Amino acid sequence: MLAKKYFNTEGNFRGQNLTGKTEVIGTIEIPRVDESISGTNFEVVVGFELTQEQLEFNRAGKRFRMDAGQ
């Protein structure tokens, strides 16, 4: 890994399903040694960074339900 950047975004789930979201980030600079190194030699990986609590919840195989506890 050459570089890591964080981008915050929010999703509103109240009463509707969020099936996708687009957010323009702008320019991502790939840190090349010089102009002779092609950008095609690199890949950009996008993912989520979860808290320890979120990881444990996901690993337990639980599922969030809107009507839980009612």
Protein backbone atom coordinates (compact mmCIF):
# COMPACT_ATOMS: atom_id res chain seq x y z
CA MET A 1 0.00 0.00 0.00
CA LEU A 2 1.40 3.35 -1.03
CA ALA A 3 -1.26 5.65 0.38
CA LYS A 4 -4.52 5.55 2.30
CA LYS A 5 -7.17 8.25 2.36
CA TYR A 6 -10.39 8.49 4.33
CA PHE A 7 -13.61 9.90 2.88
CA ASN A 8 -16.69 10.26 5.06
CA THR A 9 -20.15 9.80 3.62
CA GLU A 10 -23.63 9.34 5.07
CA GLY A 11 -26.63 7.30 4.02
CA ASN A 12 -30.23 7.87 5.10
CA PHE A 13 -32.14 4.61 5.62
CA ARG A 14 -35.34 5.94 7.25
CA GLY A 15 -38.30 4.41 5.50
CA GLN A 16 -36.41 3.61 2.33
CA ASN A 17 -33.85 1.17 1.08
CA LEU A 18 -30.51 2.57 0.03
CA THR A 19 -29.42 0.53 -2.96
CA GLY A 20 -26.66 2.79 -4.17
CA LYS A 21 -25.03 6.12 -3.70
CA THR A 22 -22.70 8.18 -5.82
CA GLU A 23 -20.36 10.76 -4.41
CA VAL A 24 -17.82 12.70 -6.45
CA ILE A 25 -14.46 12.60 -4.68
CA GLY A 26 -12.55 14.60 -7.25
CA THR A 27 -9.00 13.69 -8.08
CA ILE A 28 -7.02 10.84 -6.58
CA GLU A 29 -3.30 11.25 -7.11
CA ILE A 30 -1.34 8.05 -7.57
CA PRO A 31 2.13 8.56 -6.04
CA ARG A 32 4.38 7.54 -8.94
CA VAL A 33 8.16 7.77 -8.83
CA ASP A 34 8.19 9.75 -12.06
CA GLU A 35 6.19 10.30 -15.27
CA SER A 36 7.64 7.13 -16.85
CA ILE A 37 5.61 4.93 -14.47
CA SER A 38 2.14 4.34 -15.91
CA GLY A 39 -0.94 4.70 -13.72
CA THR A 40 -2.16 1.39 -15.15
CA ASN A 41 0.45 -0.32 -12.95
CA PHE A 42 -1.62 0.58 -9.87
CA GLU A 43 -5.08 -0.21 -8.57
CA VAL A 44 -7.40 1.77 -6.33
CA VAL A 45 -9.20 -0.31 -3.71
CA VAL A 46 -12.29 1.10 -2.01
CA GLY A 47 -13.78 -0.37 1.14
CA PHE A 48 -15.29 0.27 4.53
CA GLU A 49 -13.40 0.65 7.78
CA LEU A 50 -15.43 -0.90 10.58
CA THR A 51 -15.13 -0.56 14.34
CA GLN A 52 -14.30 -3.62 16.44
CA GLU A 53 -17.95 -3.74 17.55
CA GLN A 54 -19.18 -3.70 13.95
CA LEU A 55 -16.74 -6.47 13.01
CA GLU A 56 -17.91 -8.65 15.91
CA PHE A 57 -21.56 -8.08 14.97
CA ASN A 58 -20.90 -9.08 11.35
CA ARG A 59 -18.87 -12.13 12.33
CA ALA A 60 -21.63 -13.33 14.68
CA GLY A 61 -23.95 -13.65 11.67
CA LYS A 62 -26.62 -11.45 13.26
CA ARG A 63 -28.96 -9.38 11.19
CA PHE A 64 -30.40 -5.97 12.04
CA ARG A 65 -34.20 -5.83 11.94
CA MET A 66 -36.27 -2.65 12.15
CA ASP A 67 -38.90 -4.41 14.30
CA ALA A 68 -36.45 -6.01 16.75
CA GLY A 69 -37.61 -5.69 20.35
CA GLN A 70 -41.18 -4.67 19.49
